[in-house]
C-alpha atoms as a PDB file:
ATOM      1  CA  MET A   1     171.821  38.377 236.600  1.00  0.00           C
ATOM      2  CA  GLN A   2     170.294  41.512 234.550  1.00  0.00           C
ATOM      3  CA  ASN A   3     170.825  40.374 231.180  1.00  0.00           C
ATOM      4  CA  TYR A   4     172.511  42.946 228.793  1.00  0.00           C
ATOM      5  CA  PRO A   5     171.629  44.923 226.575  1.00  0.00           C
ATOM      6  CA  ASN A   6     168.378  45.951 228.132  1.00  0.00           C
ATOM      7  CA  PRO A   7     166.117  46.432 226.726  1.00  0.00           C
ATOM      8  CA  PHE A   8     167.185  44.139 223.918  1.00  0.00           C
ATOM      9  CA  ASN A   9     167.102  43.957 219.893  1.00  0.00           C
ATOM     10  CA  PRO A  10     167.020  41.597 218.576  1.00  0.00           C
ATOM     11  CA  THR A  11     169.516  40.012 220.994  1.00  0.00           C
ATOM     12  CA  THR A  12     169.955  39.379 224.634  1.00  0.00           C
ATOM     13  CA  SER A  13     172.562  37.645 227.169  1.00  0.00           C
ATOM     14  CA  ILE A  14     171.049  35.756 230.400  1.00  0.00           C
ATOM     15  CA  ARG A  15     173.909  35.113 232.385  1.00  0.00           C
ATOM     16  CA  PHE A  16     173.211  32.625 235.448  1.00  0.00           C
ATOM     17  CA  SER A  17     175.331  30.571 238.528  1.00  0.00           C
ATOM     18  CA  LEU A  18     174.137  27.667 239.269  1.00  0.00           C
ATOM     19  CA  PRO A  19     175.429  26.304 242.674  1.00  0.00           C
ATOM     20  CA  GLN A  20     174.980  22.918 241.988  1.00  0.00           C
ATOM     21  CA  HIS A  21     174.243  20.202 239.358  1.00  0.00           C
ATOM     22  CA  SER A  22     170.183  21.112 239.100  1.00  0.00           C
ATOM     23  CA  PHE A  23     167.387  20.800 236.450  1.00  0.00           C
ATOM     24  CA  VAL A  24     166.960  24.266 234.513  1.00  0.00           C
ATOM     25  CA  SER A  25     164.220  26.215 232.900  1.00  0.00           C
ATOM     26  CA  LEU A  26     164.150  29.241 231.096  1.00  0.00           C
ATOM     27  CA  ARG A  27     161.337  30.702 229.590  1.00  0.00           C
ATOM     28  CA  ILE A  28     160.363  33.835 228.331  1.00  0.00           C
ATOM     29  CA  TYR A  29     157.544  35.831 228.199  1.00  0.00           C
ATOM     30  CA  ASP A  30     155.125  38.935 227.236  1.00  0.00           C
ATOM     31  CA  VAL A  31     154.118  41.658 229.799  1.00  0.00           C
ATOM     32  CA  ILE A  32     150.709  39.606 229.426  1.00  0.00           C
ATOM     33  CA  GLY A  33     151.710  36.180 230.682  1.00  0.00           C
ATOM     34  CA  ASN A  34     152.078  34.113 226.938  1.00  0.00           C
ATOM     35  CA  GLU A  35     154.717  32.146 226.509  1.00  0.00           C
ATOM     36  CA  VAL A  36     156.385  32.930 223.899  1.00  0.00           C
ATOM     37  CA  ALA A  37     160.269  30.621 223.818  1.00  0.00           C
ATOM     38  CA  THR A  38     161.672  27.825 226.159  1.00  0.00           C
ATOM     39  CA  LEU A  39     165.274  28.532 226.020  1.00  0.00           C
ATOM     40  CA  ILE A  40     166.510  25.847 228.123  1.00  0.00           C
ATOM     41  CA  ASN A  41     164.439  22.640 229.517  1.00  0.00           C
ATOM     42  CA  GLU A  42     167.265  20.708 230.715  1.00  0.00           C
ATOM     43  CA  GLU A  43     169.088  19.652 233.703  1.00  0.00           C
ATOM     44  CA  ARG A  44     172.569  20.912 234.037  1.00  0.00           C
ATOM     45  CA  LEU A  45     176.154  21.035 235.764  1.00  0.00           C
ATOM     46  CA  ALA A  46     177.423  23.654 238.863  1.00  0.00           C
ATOM     47  CA  GLY A  47     178.450  26.255 236.519  1.00  0.00           C
ATOM     48  CA  ASN A  48     178.251  29.843 235.125  1.00  0.00           C
ATOM     49  CA  TYR A  49     176.249  29.770 232.009  1.00  0.00           C
ATOM     50  CA  GLU A  50     175.236  32.785 229.145  1.00  0.00           C
ATOM     51  CA  ILE A  51     172.438  31.871 227.076  1.00  0.00           C
ATOM     52  CA  GLU A  52     172.032  34.138 223.501  1.00  0.00           C
ATOM     53  CA  PHE A  53     168.387  35.275 223.100  1.00  0.00           C
ATOM     54  CA  SER A  54     167.616  36.489 220.152  1.00  0.00           C
ATOM     55  CA  SER A  55     164.154  37.612 218.523  1.00  0.00           C
ATOM     56  CA  THR A  56     164.699  35.662 215.686  1.00  0.00           C
ATOM     57  CA  ASN A  57     166.034  32.330 216.439  1.00  0.00           C
ATOM     58  CA  ASN A  58     162.837  31.420 216.761  1.00  0.00           C
ATOM     59  CA  LYS A  59     160.209  29.602 215.081  1.00  0.00           C
ATOM     60  CA  LYS A  60     158.824  32.990 214.592  1.00  0.00           C
ATOM     61  CA  ILE A  61     159.773  36.062 214.527  1.00  0.00           C
ATOM     62  CA  ILE A  62     159.072  37.927 218.089  1.00  0.00           C
ATOM     63  CA  SER A  63     157.743  41.354 217.754  1.00  0.00           C
ATOM     64  CA  SER A  64     159.867  44.483 219.685  1.00  0.00           C
ATOM     65  CA  GLY A  65     158.309  45.310 222.987  1.00  0.00           C
ATOM     66  CA  VAL A  66     158.888  44.429 227.104  1.00  0.00           C
ATOM     67  CA  TYR A  67     159.307  40.538 227.681  1.00  0.00           C
ATOM     68  CA  LEU A  68     160.295  38.612 231.033  1.00  0.00           C
ATOM     69  CA  TYR A  69     161.866  35.526 231.933  1.00  0.00           C
ATOM     70  CA  GLN A  70     161.693  33.126 234.685  1.00  0.00           C
ATOM     71  CA  LEU A  71     164.633  30.377 235.434  1.00  0.00           C
ATOM     72  CA  ARG A  72     163.645  28.624 237.530  1.00  0.00           C
END
Protein backbone atom coordinates (compact mmCIF):
# COMPACT_ATOMS: atom_id res chain seq x y z
CA MET A 1 0.00 0.00 0.00
CA GLN A 2 1.08 3.60 -0.43
CA ASN A 3 2.59 5.26 2.62
CA TYR A 4 0.72 8.31 3.97
CA PRO A 5 1.50 11.18 4.00
CA ASN A 6 3.91 11.20 1.09
CA PRO A 7 6.13 13.15 1.09
CA PHE A 8 6.36 13.08 4.85
CA ASN A 9 7.70 15.41 7.48
CA PRO A 10 8.47 14.22 10.15
CA THR A 11 6.43 10.95 10.14
CA THR A 12 4.69 8.61 7.70
CA SER A 13 2.67 5.41 8.10
CA ILE A 14 3.53 2.34 6.04
CA ARG A 15 0.71 -0.21 5.80
CA PHE A 16 0.94 -3.76 4.47
CA SER A 17 -0.86 -7.10 4.60
CA LEU A 18 0.52 -10.61 4.92
CA PRO A 19 -1.58 -13.48 3.56
CA GLN A 20 0.42 -16.00 5.61
CA HIS A 21 3.03 -16.21 8.35
CA SER A 22 6.24 -14.83 6.78
CA PHE A 23 9.65 -13.37 7.44
CA VAL A 24 9.37 -9.60 6.87
CA SER A 25 12.07 -7.07 6.14
CA LEU A 26 11.17 -3.36 5.89
CA ARG A 27 14.08 -1.05 5.12
CA ILE A 28 14.36 2.66 4.30
CA TYR A 29 16.87 3.93 1.71
CA ASP A 30 17.98 7.34 0.50
CA VAL A 31 17.90 8.13 -3.24
CA ILE A 32 21.45 6.93 -3.83
CA GLY A 33 20.74 3.54 -2.26
CA ASN A 34 22.18 3.92 1.23
CA GLU A 35 20.17 2.14 3.89
CA VAL A 36 19.14 4.66 6.54
CA ALA A 37 16.86 2.51 8.73
CA THR A 38 15.56 -1.03 9.25
CA LEU A 39 12.04 -0.92 10.68
CA ILE A 40 11.28 -4.66 10.66
CA ASN A 41 13.52 -7.69 10.30
CA GLU A 42 11.57 -10.58 11.83
CA GLU A 43 8.82 -13.13 11.36
CA ARG A 44 5.24 -11.85 11.46
CA LEU A 45 1.88 -13.62 11.56
CA ALA A 46 -0.65 -13.23 8.75
CA GLY A 47 -2.62 -10.00 9.05
CA ASN A 48 -2.63 -6.26 8.47
CA TYR A 49 0.11 -4.02 9.80
CA GLU A 50 0.80 -0.32 10.08
CA ILE A 51 4.31 0.84 10.93
CA GLU A 52 5.14 4.48 11.65
CA PHE A 53 8.45 5.82 10.40
CA SER A 54 9.73 9.01 11.96
CA SER A 55 12.78 10.93 10.88
CA THR A 56 13.57 11.47 14.56
CA ASN A 57 12.93 8.03 16.12
CA ASN A 58 16.27 6.56 15.10
CA LYS A 59 19.57 7.04 16.85
CA LYS A 60 20.37 9.65 14.22
CA ILE A 61 18.11 12.34 12.83
CA ILE A 62 17.35 11.88 9.14
CA SER A 63 17.26 15.06 7.10
CA SER A 64 14.37 16.08 4.86
CA GLY A 65 14.42 14.60 1.38
CA VAL A 66 13.21 11.74 -0.77
CA TYR A 67 13.36 8.23 0.66
CA LEU A 68 12.36 4.82 -0.66
CA TYR A 69 11.28 1.76 1.25
CA GLN A 70 11.61 -1.91 0.44
CA LEU A 71 9.23 -4.46 1.88
CA ARG A 72 10.19 -8.11 1.46
